[in-house]
Amino acid sequence: MFRFNLVAAVLVITLGIGWQKGLATAPEAHLITGYGFGHAPSDRELQGWDIDVRPTGAGLPAGQGTVSQGETVFAGKCASCHGATGREGPMDRLVGGQGTLASRQPIKTIGSYWPYATTLYDYIRRAMPFNTPQSLTNDEVYAVVAWLLYQNDIISTGTVLDAETLSAVHMPNRNGFVPDPRPDVSR
């Protein structure tokens, strides 16, 4: 019995090594389709996942939103987690905290900590609401961002946010981060 198990183990290891070598040299398309499931994504399919927004505003989509529209969207889709004003929770506090970062109990919110308004758009668009991420329209995301920036005293109530105006918003903590001095990191 021991002899059989040893022979079987050697056979399995030998086959496993051969299988790995074959995979290492197989073309990428074979990895996707060679096992009878999946397919190489088309350019159109990839575009659906290419939704990141850079701090410069590159990647912001068409659309627009106002503070009053954002108040309505926030109440219906965000307040259950972040409270009616963005201060209550039970999830992360989004409003307030200005001037607390150097204190013993810093309050990290959109208005006190986040360096770029475009990052706020990117995060909400990809990950919110928690129970149905990526369900908000571009206009709804712009509106929620407008309302949150207004709640943090960063924009006025009459501001209309779109790709151009959102990119121009200067966040209070924009210069609060230390640049990475490593030479291999692009800035």
C-alpha atoms as a PDB file:
ATOM      1  CA  MET A   1       0.000   0.000   0.000  1.00  0.00           C
ATOM      2  CA  PHE A   2       2.809   2.428   0.873  1.00  0.00           C
ATOM      3  CA  ARG A   3       4.547   1.620  -2.377  1.00  0.00           C
ATOM      4  CA  PHE A   4       1.402   2.419  -4.391  1.00  0.00           C
ATOM      5  CA  ASN A   5       0.928   5.773  -2.655  1.00  0.00           C
ATOM      6  CA  LEU A   6       4.537   6.726  -3.296  1.00  0.00           C
ATOM      7  CA  VAL A   7       4.269   5.823  -6.995  1.00  0.00           C
ATOM      8  CA  ALA A   8       0.985   7.733  -7.276  1.00  0.00           C
ATOM      9  CA  ALA A   9       2.517  10.780  -5.579  1.00  0.00           C
ATOM     10  CA  VAL A  10       5.521  10.787  -7.926  1.00  0.00           C
ATOM     11  CA  LEU A  11       3.185  10.477 -10.912  1.00  0.00           C
ATOM     12  CA  VAL A  12       0.987  13.358  -9.717  1.00  0.00           C
ATOM     13  CA  ILE A  13       4.008  15.589  -9.085  1.00  0.00           C
ATOM     14  CA  THR A  14       5.503  14.769 -12.488  1.00  0.00           C
ATOM     15  CA  LEU A  15       2.233  15.469 -14.283  1.00  0.00           C
ATOM     16  CA  GLY A  16       1.757  18.663 -12.269  1.00  0.00           C
ATOM     17  CA  ILE A  17       5.177  19.994 -13.220  1.00  0.00           C
ATOM     18  CA  GLY A  18       4.554  19.186 -16.877  1.00  0.00           C
ATOM     19  CA  TRP A  19       1.152  20.857 -16.746  1.00  0.00           C
ATOM     20  CA  GLN A  20       2.651  23.998 -15.183  1.00  0.00           C
ATOM     21  CA  LYS A  21       5.351  24.169 -17.833  1.00  0.00           C
ATOM     22  CA  GLY A  22       2.713  23.938 -20.518  1.00  0.00           C
ATOM     23  CA  LEU A  23       0.698  26.732 -18.913  1.00  0.00           C
ATOM     24  CA  ALA A  24       3.723  28.959 -18.585  1.00  0.00           C
ATOM     25  CA  THR A  25       4.289  28.921 -22.325  1.00  0.00           C
ATOM     26  CA  ALA A  26       0.647  28.921 -23.420  1.00  0.00           C
ATOM     27  CA  PRO A  27      -0.616  32.056 -25.141  1.00  0.00           C
ATOM     28  CA  GLU A  28      -2.966  34.227 -23.075  1.00  0.00           C
ATOM     29  CA  ALA A  29      -5.966  33.442 -25.274  1.00  0.00           C
ATOM     30  CA  HIS A  30      -5.521  29.752 -24.492  1.00  0.00           C
ATOM     31  CA  LEU A  31      -5.687  30.489 -20.772  1.00  0.00           C
ATOM     32  CA  ILE A  32      -9.044  32.157 -21.238  1.00  0.00           C
ATOM     33  CA  THR A  33     -10.717  29.891 -23.778  1.00  0.00           C
ATOM     34  CA  GLY A  34      -8.754  26.634 -23.585  1.00  0.00           C
ATOM     35  CA  TYR A  35     -10.858  25.274 -20.753  1.00  0.00           C
ATOM     36  CA  GLY A  36     -14.269  25.804 -22.287  1.00  0.00           C
ATOM     37  CA  PHE A  37     -15.372  28.894 -20.388  1.00  0.00           C
ATOM     38  CA  GLY A  38     -14.834  32.639 -20.614  1.00  0.00           C
ATOM     39  CA  HIS A  39     -13.623  34.694 -23.542  1.00  0.00           C
ATOM     40  CA  ALA A  40     -11.159  37.438 -24.323  1.00  0.00           C
ATOM     41  CA  PRO A  41     -12.978  40.723 -23.633  1.00  0.00           C
ATOM     42  CA  SER A  42     -13.820  43.022 -26.502  1.00  0.00           C
ATOM     43  CA  ASP A  43     -12.841  46.691 -26.488  1.00  0.00           C
ATOM     44  CA  ARG A  44     -16.478  47.555 -25.777  1.00  0.00           C
ATOM     45  CA  GLU A  45     -16.553  45.227 -22.762  1.00  0.00           C
ATOM     46  CA  LEU A  46     -13.338  46.740 -21.422  1.00  0.00           C
ATOM     47  CA  GLN A  47     -14.765  50.255 -21.736  1.00  0.00           C
ATOM     48  CA  GLY A  48     -17.452  49.314 -19.226  1.00  0.00           C
ATOM     49  CA  TRP A  49     -14.738  48.756 -16.628  1.00  0.00           C
ATOM     50  CA  ASP A  50     -12.573  51.724 -17.614  1.00  0.00           C
ATOM     51  CA  ILE A  51     -14.231  54.178 -15.232  1.00  0.00           C
ATOM     52  CA  ASP A  52     -11.366  55.486 -13.117  1.00  0.00           C
ATOM     53  CA  VAL A  53     -11.020  59.230 -12.614  1.00  0.00           C
ATOM     54  CA  ARG A  54      -7.610  60.822 -12.071  1.00  0.00           C
ATOM     55  CA  PRO A  55      -6.923  63.691  -9.639  1.00  0.00           C
ATOM     56  CA  THR A  56      -6.542  65.975 -12.676  1.00  0.00           C
ATOM     57  CA  GLY A  57     -10.106  65.172 -13.749  1.00  0.00           C
ATOM     58  CA  ALA A  58      -9.072  62.911 -16.627  1.00  0.00           C
ATOM     59  CA  GLY A  59     -11.751  60.253 -16.952  1.00  0.00           C
ATOM     60  CA  LEU A  60     -14.647  62.347 -15.672  1.00  0.00           C
ATOM     61  CA  PRO A  61     -17.729  61.559 -17.762  1.00  0.00           C
ATOM     62  CA  ALA A  62     -20.295  63.874 -19.290  1.00  0.00           C
ATOM     63  CA  GLY A  63     -23.046  64.974 -16.960  1.00  0.00           C
ATOM     64  CA  GLN A  64     -23.757  67.543 -14.283  1.00  0.00           C
ATOM     65  CA  GLY A  65     -25.358  67.955 -10.898  1.00  0.00           C
ATOM     66  CA  THR A  66     -26.414  70.621  -8.433  1.00  0.00           C
ATOM     67  CA  VAL A  67     -26.458  70.880  -4.657  1.00  0.00           C
ATOM     68  CA  SER A  68     -30.268  70.678  -4.502  1.00  0.00           C
ATOM     69  CA  GLN A  69     -30.349  67.601  -6.746  1.00  0.00           C
ATOM     70  CA  GLY A  70     -27.633  66.040  -4.599  1.00  0.00           C
ATOM     71  CA  GLU A  71     -29.628  66.629  -1.435  1.00  0.00           C
ATOM     72  CA  THR A  72     -32.468  64.561  -2.893  1.00  0.00           C
ATOM     73  CA  VAL A  73     -30.215  61.745  -4.132  1.00  0.00           C
ATOM     74  CA  PHE A  74     -28.279  61.663  -0.846  1.00  0.00           C
ATOM     75  CA  ALA A  75     -31.491  61.451   1.191  1.00  0.00           C
ATOM     76  CA  GLY A  76     -32.759  58.550  -0.902  1.00  0.00           C
ATOM     77  CA  LYS A  77     -29.585  56.558  -1.467  1.00  0.00           C
ATOM     78  CA  CYS A  78     -26.898  57.577   1.046  1.00  0.00           C
ATOM     79  CA  ALA A  79     -28.480  58.800   4.293  1.00  0.00           C
ATOM     80  CA  SER A  80     -29.282  55.309   5.600  1.00  0.00           C
ATOM     81  CA  CYS A  81     -25.520  54.734   6.026  1.00  0.00           C
ATOM     82  CA  HIS A  82     -24.133  58.263   6.487  1.00  0.00           C
ATOM     83  CA  GLY A  83     -27.012  60.047   8.245  1.00  0.00           C
ATOM     84  CA  ALA A  84     -29.251  62.852   7.038  1.00  0.00           C
ATOM     85  CA  THR A  85     -26.460  65.439   6.998  1.00  0.00           C
ATOM     86  CA  GLY A  86     -23.453  63.170   6.421  1.00  0.00           C
ATOM     87  CA  ARG A  87     -22.377  63.545  10.048  1.00  0.00           C
ATOM     88  CA  GLU A  88     -24.415  60.901  11.846  1.00  0.00           C
ATOM     89  CA  GLY A  89     -23.390  57.489  10.514  1.00  0.00           C
ATOM     90  CA  PRO A  90     -23.546  54.593  11.271  1.00  0.00           C
ATOM     91  CA  MET A  91     -20.907  54.441   8.521  1.00  0.00           C
ATOM     92  CA  ASP A  92     -18.073  56.938   7.986  1.00  0.00           C
ATOM     93  CA  ARG A  93     -18.681  60.578   8.736  1.00  0.00           C
ATOM     94  CA  LEU A  94     -18.477  62.609   5.508  1.00  0.00           C
ATOM     95  CA  VAL A  95     -18.946  66.175   6.723  1.00  0.00           C
ATOM     96  CA  GLY A  96     -17.055  68.389   9.175  1.00  0.00           C
ATOM     97  CA  GLY A  97     -13.718  67.834  10.848  1.00  0.00           C
ATOM     98  CA  GLN A  98     -11.948  70.903   9.429  1.00  0.00           C
ATOM     99  CA  GLY A  99      -9.016  71.882  11.639  1.00  0.00           C
ATOM    100  CA  THR A 100      -8.869  68.544  13.500  1.00  0.00           C
ATOM    101  CA  LEU A 101      -6.150  66.686  11.596  1.00  0.00           C
ATOM    102  CA  ALA A 102      -3.361  67.904  13.902  1.00  0.00           C
ATOM    103  CA  SER A 103      -5.379  67.140  17.042  1.00  0.00           C
ATOM    104  CA  ARG A 104      -5.296  64.008  19.198  1.00  0.00           C
ATOM    105  CA  GLN A 105      -8.599  62.900  17.664  1.00  0.00           C
ATOM    106  CA  PRO A 106      -8.569  63.887  13.999  1.00  0.00           C
ATOM    107  CA  ILE A 107     -11.844  63.657  12.131  1.00  0.00           C
ATOM    108  CA  LYS A 108     -11.069  62.530   8.598  1.00  0.00           C
ATOM    109  CA  THR A 109     -13.874  63.617   6.307  1.00  0.00           C
ATOM    110  CA  ILE A 110     -14.235  64.813   2.741  1.00  0.00           C
ATOM    111  CA  GLY A 111     -13.808  68.397   3.893  1.00  0.00           C
ATOM    112  CA  SER A 112     -10.903  67.860   6.253  1.00  0.00           C
ATOM    113  CA  TYR A 113      -8.834  65.097   4.688  1.00  0.00           C
ATOM    114  CA  TRP A 114      -9.492  64.391   1.001  1.00  0.00           C
ATOM    115  CA  PRO A 115      -7.019  66.202  -1.277  1.00  0.00           C
ATOM    116  CA  TYR A 116      -9.003  66.027  -4.561  1.00  0.00           C
ATOM    117  CA  ALA A 117     -12.701  66.447  -5.314  1.00  0.00           C
ATOM    118  CA  THR A 118     -12.273  64.250  -8.388  1.00  0.00           C
ATOM    119  CA  THR A 119     -11.309  61.345  -6.132  1.00  0.00           C
ATOM    120  CA  LEU A 120     -14.638  61.752  -4.387  1.00  0.00           C
ATOM    121  CA  TYR A 121     -16.431  61.424  -7.720  1.00  0.00           C
ATOM    122  CA  ASP A 122     -14.349  58.347  -8.590  1.00  0.00           C
ATOM    123  CA  TYR A 123     -15.057  56.609  -5.289  1.00  0.00           C
ATOM    124  CA  ILE A 124     -18.788  57.300  -5.227  1.00  0.00           C
ATOM    125  CA  ARG A 125     -19.169  56.258  -8.861  1.00  0.00           C
ATOM    126  CA  ARG A 126     -17.374  52.927  -8.372  1.00  0.00           C
ATOM    127  CA  ALA A 127     -18.351  51.893  -4.859  1.00  0.00           C
ATOM    128  CA  MET A 128     -21.545  53.592  -3.713  1.00  0.00           C
ATOM    129  CA  PRO A 129     -24.187  53.009  -2.580  1.00  0.00           C
ATOM    130  CA  PHE A 130     -22.721  50.099  -0.658  1.00  0.00           C
ATOM    131  CA  ASN A 131     -25.648  47.776  -1.367  1.00  0.00           C
ATOM    132  CA  THR A 132     -25.799  48.627  -5.107  1.00  0.00           C
ATOM    133  CA  PRO A 133     -22.414  49.935  -6.291  1.00  0.00           C
ATOM    134  CA  GLN A 134     -22.243  51.572  -9.733  1.00  0.00           C
ATOM    135  CA  SER A 135     -26.013  52.043  -9.771  1.00  0.00           C
ATOM    136  CA  LEU A 136     -25.937  55.864  -9.734  1.00  0.00           C
ATOM    137  CA  THR A 137     -26.087  57.750 -13.013  1.00  0.00           C
ATOM    138  CA  ASN A 138     -23.294  60.189 -13.853  1.00  0.00           C
ATOM    139  CA  ASP A 139     -25.661  63.088 -13.081  1.00  0.00           C
ATOM    140  CA  GLU A 140     -26.564  61.574  -9.696  1.00  0.00           C
ATOM    141  CA  VAL A 141     -22.875  61.194  -8.798  1.00  0.00           C
ATOM    142  CA  TYR A 142     -22.142  64.807  -9.764  1.00  0.00           C
ATOM    143  CA  ALA A 143     -25.150  65.879  -7.677  1.00  0.00           C
ATOM    144  CA  VAL A 144     -24.117  63.901  -4.575  1.00  0.00           C
ATOM    145  CA  VAL A 145     -20.571  65.244  -4.874  1.00  0.00           C
ATOM    146  CA  ALA A 146     -21.974  68.785  -5.146  1.00  0.00           C
ATOM    147  CA  TRP A 147     -24.101  68.312  -2.030  1.00  0.00           C
ATOM    148  CA  LEU A 148     -21.208  66.840  -0.041  1.00  0.00           C
ATOM    149  CA  LEU A 149     -18.833  69.619  -1.087  1.00  0.00           C
ATOM    150  CA  TYR A 150     -21.493  72.186  -0.146  1.00  0.00           C
ATOM    151  CA  GLN A 151     -22.043  70.503   3.239  1.00  0.00           C
ATOM    152  CA  ASN A 152     -18.289  70.821   3.833  1.00  0.00           C
ATOM    153  CA  ASP A 153     -18.333  74.561   2.934  1.00  0.00           C
ATOM    154  CA  ILE A 154     -16.184  74.009  -0.176  1.00  0.00           C
ATOM    155  CA  ILE A 155     -18.632  75.175  -2.870  1.00  0.00           C
ATOM    156  CA  SER A 156     -21.649  77.465  -2.821  1.00  0.00           C
ATOM    157  CA  THR A 157     -25.250  76.320  -3.122  1.00  0.00           C
ATOM    158  CA  GLY A 158     -25.564  77.596  -6.710  1.00  0.00           C
ATOM    159  CA  THR A 159     -22.575  75.661  -8.065  1.00  0.00           C
ATOM    160  CA  VAL A 160     -23.246  73.275 -10.938  1.00  0.00           C
ATOM    161  CA  LEU A 161     -20.663  70.500 -11.039  1.00  0.00           C
ATOM    162  CA  ASP A 162     -19.529  68.914 -14.282  1.00  0.00           C
ATOM    163  CA  ALA A 163     -16.180  67.619 -15.535  1.00  0.00           C
ATOM    164  CA  GLU A 164     -14.746  71.122 -15.872  1.00  0.00           C
ATOM    165  CA  THR A 165     -16.017  72.693 -12.645  1.00  0.00           C
ATOM    166  CA  LEU A 166     -15.289  69.623 -10.509  1.00  0.00           C
ATOM    167  CA  SER A 167     -11.687  69.523 -11.732  1.00  0.00           C
ATOM    168  CA  ALA A 168     -11.289  73.158 -10.677  1.00  0.00           C
ATOM    169  CA  VAL A 169     -12.429  72.594  -7.059  1.00  0.00           C
ATOM    170  CA  HIS A 170      -9.558  73.181  -4.636  1.00  0.00           C
ATOM    171  CA  MET A 171      -9.923  70.994  -1.557  1.00  0.00           C
ATOM    172  CA  PRO A 172      -8.844  72.396   1.844  1.00  0.00           C
ATOM    173  CA  ASN A 173      -6.284  69.611   2.409  1.00  0.00           C
ATOM    174  CA  ARG A 174      -4.866  69.632  -1.128  1.00  0.00           C
ATOM    175  CA  ASN A 175      -1.383  70.463   0.167  1.00  0.00           C
ATOM    176  CA  GLY A 176      -1.639  68.400   3.343  1.00  0.00           C
ATOM    177  CA  PHE A 177       0.144  65.357   1.980  1.00  0.00           C
ATOM    178  CA  VAL A 178       3.901  64.851   1.761  1.00  0.00           C
ATOM    179  CA  PRO A 179       5.118  63.961  -1.733  1.00  0.00           C
ATOM    180  CA  ASP A 180       6.725  60.554  -2.127  1.00  0.00           C
ATOM    181  CA  PRO A 181      10.480  61.255  -2.485  1.00  0.00           C
ATOM    182  CA  ARG A 182      11.408  57.872  -4.002  1.00  0.00           C
ATOM    183  CA  PRO A 183      12.987  58.305  -7.448  1.00  0.00           C
ATOM    184  CA  ASP A 184      11.119  55.309  -8.891  1.00  0.00           C
ATOM    185  CA  VAL A 185       7.692  56.778  -8.162  1.00  0.00           C
ATOM    186  CA  SER A 186       6.216  59.122 -10.749  1.00  0.00           C
ATOM    187  CA  ARG A 187       4.730  62.311  -9.403  1.00  0.00           C
END
